[in-house]
Amino acid sequence: MSTNFQYQHAMDDDLLSSIANRHCTRVFLKRPVSQETIQAVLSAAASAPSSQNNQPWQVTVLMGKSRDALSARLCANFDQGGCTHP
């Protein structure tokens, strides 16, 4: 069984390029999420399994002006071609 390596390589490049360049913009509601809802989600997440049960996650919740400032920094950094870290 022979395979056309050049064809396979071109297909791989197209696939990898498609994956790397994919961007999805979501629309979020301006309605705030209640503290009760946030606490319920975090409580449920704390029960989620992790590799070797090491529970490696850390969570920080920002609200109001702090959240807005971080969001603006992340969006500006992304728009300038930077990574998504603050």
C-alpha atoms as a PDB file:
ATOM      1  CA  MET A   1       0.000   0.000   0.000  1.00  0.00           C
ATOM      2  CA  SER A   2       1.551   3.308  -1.059  1.00  0.00           C
ATOM      3  CA  THR A   3       0.659   6.772   0.204  1.00  0.00           C
ATOM      4  CA  ASN A   4       1.292  10.041  -1.589  1.00  0.00           C
ATOM      5  CA  PHE A   5       3.384  11.721   1.135  1.00  0.00           C
ATOM      6  CA  GLN A   6       3.235  15.175  -0.495  1.00  0.00           C
ATOM      7  CA  TYR A   7      -0.564  15.046  -0.612  1.00  0.00           C
ATOM      8  CA  GLN A   8      -0.719  13.857   2.993  1.00  0.00           C
ATOM      9  CA  HIS A   9       1.695  16.600   4.111  1.00  0.00           C
ATOM     10  CA  ALA A  10      -0.368  19.317   2.354  1.00  0.00           C
ATOM     11  CA  MET A  11      -3.544  18.016   3.961  1.00  0.00           C
ATOM     12  CA  ASP A  12      -1.868  18.024   7.387  1.00  0.00           C
ATOM     13  CA  ASP A  13      -0.693  21.625   6.858  1.00  0.00           C
ATOM     14  CA  ASP A  14      -4.210  22.711   5.899  1.00  0.00           C
ATOM     15  CA  LEU A  15      -5.692  20.959   8.916  1.00  0.00           C
ATOM     16  CA  LEU A  16      -3.133  22.392  11.341  1.00  0.00           C
ATOM     17  CA  SER A  17      -3.551  25.874   9.864  1.00  0.00           C
ATOM     18  CA  SER A  18      -7.329  25.635  10.223  1.00  0.00           C
ATOM     19  CA  ILE A  19      -7.032  24.580  13.843  1.00  0.00           C
ATOM     20  CA  ALA A  20      -4.454  27.251  14.703  1.00  0.00           C
ATOM     21  CA  ASN A  21      -6.373  30.082  13.027  1.00  0.00           C
ATOM     22  CA  ARG A  22      -9.838  29.214  14.323  1.00  0.00           C
ATOM     23  CA  HIS A  23     -11.452  32.012  16.290  1.00  0.00           C
ATOM     24  CA  CYS A  24     -14.858  32.076  17.876  1.00  0.00           C
ATOM     25  CA  THR A  25     -16.400  35.210  19.317  1.00  0.00           C
ATOM     26  CA  ARG A  26     -19.239  34.632  21.724  1.00  0.00           C
ATOM     27  CA  VAL A  27     -21.898  37.073  22.736  1.00  0.00           C
ATOM     28  CA  PHE A  28     -22.456  37.332  26.463  1.00  0.00           C
ATOM     29  CA  LEU A  29     -25.386  38.926  28.221  1.00  0.00           C
ATOM     30  CA  LYS A  30     -24.784  42.113  30.199  1.00  0.00           C
ATOM     31  CA  ARG A  31     -26.851  40.616  33.022  1.00  0.00           C
ATOM     32  CA  PRO A  32     -24.707  39.953  36.125  1.00  0.00           C
ATOM     33  CA  VAL A  33     -24.398  36.428  37.503  1.00  0.00           C
ATOM     34  CA  SER A  34     -25.589  36.129  41.088  1.00  0.00           C
ATOM     35  CA  GLN A  35     -23.149  35.185  43.831  1.00  0.00           C
ATOM     36  CA  GLU A  36     -25.390  32.213  44.626  1.00  0.00           C
ATOM     37  CA  THR A  37     -25.009  30.910  41.068  1.00  0.00           C
ATOM     38  CA  ILE A  38     -21.230  31.397  41.134  1.00  0.00           C
ATOM     39  CA  GLN A  39     -20.992  29.591  44.469  1.00  0.00           C
ATOM     40  CA  ALA A  40     -23.141  26.716  43.184  1.00  0.00           C
ATOM     41  CA  VAL A  41     -20.992  26.317  40.050  1.00  0.00           C
ATOM     42  CA  LEU A  42     -17.746  26.404  42.049  1.00  0.00           C
ATOM     43  CA  SER A  43     -19.144  23.947  44.574  1.00  0.00           C
ATOM     44  CA  ALA A  44     -20.076  21.522  41.791  1.00  0.00           C
ATOM     45  CA  ALA A  45     -16.679  22.029  40.110  1.00  0.00           C
ATOM     46  CA  ALA A  46     -14.907  21.150  43.355  1.00  0.00           C
ATOM     47  CA  SER A  47     -16.370  17.653  43.006  1.00  0.00           C
ATOM     48  CA  ALA A  48     -15.035  17.178  39.476  1.00  0.00           C
ATOM     49  CA  PRO A  49     -12.441  14.449  39.048  1.00  0.00           C
ATOM     50  CA  SER A  50      -8.826  15.320  38.373  1.00  0.00           C
ATOM     51  CA  SER A  51      -5.785  13.356  37.324  1.00  0.00           C
ATOM     52  CA  GLN A  52      -4.608  11.222  40.232  1.00  0.00           C
ATOM     53  CA  ASN A  53      -7.096  13.132  42.428  1.00  0.00           C
ATOM     54  CA  ASN A  54      -4.578  15.950  42.951  1.00  0.00           C
ATOM     55  CA  GLN A  55      -7.171  18.766  42.613  1.00  0.00           C
ATOM     56  CA  PRO A  56      -4.744  21.271  40.984  1.00  0.00           C
ATOM     57  CA  TRP A  57      -7.163  24.128  40.285  1.00  0.00           C
ATOM     58  CA  GLN A  58      -7.222  27.591  41.704  1.00  0.00           C
ATOM     59  CA  VAL A  59     -10.104  30.009  41.139  1.00  0.00           C
ATOM     60  CA  THR A  60     -10.322  33.763  41.355  1.00  0.00           C
ATOM     61  CA  VAL A  61     -13.668  35.486  40.900  1.00  0.00           C
ATOM     62  CA  LEU A  62     -13.745  39.144  39.915  1.00  0.00           C
ATOM     63  CA  MET A  63     -16.854  41.270  39.812  1.00  0.00           C
ATOM     64  CA  GLY A  64     -17.705  44.846  38.940  1.00  0.00           C
ATOM     65  CA  LYS A  65     -14.925  47.284  38.090  1.00  0.00           C
ATOM     66  CA  SER A  66     -12.147  44.753  38.768  1.00  0.00           C
ATOM     67  CA  ARG A  67     -13.679  42.312  36.281  1.00  0.00           C
ATOM     68  CA  ASP A  68     -14.199  45.055  33.709  1.00  0.00           C
ATOM     69  CA  ALA A  69     -10.582  46.227  34.031  1.00  0.00           C
ATOM     70  CA  LEU A  70      -9.193  42.710  33.621  1.00  0.00           C
ATOM     71  CA  SER A  71     -11.489  42.057  30.663  1.00  0.00           C
ATOM     72  CA  ALA A  72     -10.334  45.267  28.959  1.00  0.00           C
ATOM     73  CA  ARG A  73      -6.668  44.317  29.500  1.00  0.00           C
ATOM     74  CA  LEU A  74      -7.166  40.809  28.133  1.00  0.00           C
ATOM     75  CA  CYS A  75      -9.058  42.041  25.063  1.00  0.00           C
ATOM     76  CA  ALA A  76      -6.475  44.759  24.331  1.00  0.00           C
ATOM     77  CA  ASN A  77      -3.629  42.266  24.699  1.00  0.00           C
ATOM     78  CA  PHE A  78      -5.347  39.782  22.383  1.00  0.00           C
ATOM     79  CA  ASP A  79      -6.130  42.482  19.799  1.00  0.00           C
ATOM     80  CA  GLN A  80      -2.433  43.420  19.756  1.00  0.00           C
ATOM     81  CA  GLY A  81      -1.491  39.817  18.982  1.00  0.00           C
ATOM     82  CA  GLY A  82      -0.378  38.960  22.498  1.00  0.00           C
ATOM     83  CA  CYS A  83      -1.174  35.862  24.449  1.00  0.00           C
ATOM     84  CA  THR A  84      -4.344  35.633  26.492  1.00  0.00           C
ATOM     85  CA  HIS A  85      -2.548  36.041  29.840  1.00  0.00           C
ATOM     86  CA  PRO A  86      -2.798  39.380  31.663  1.00  0.00           C
END
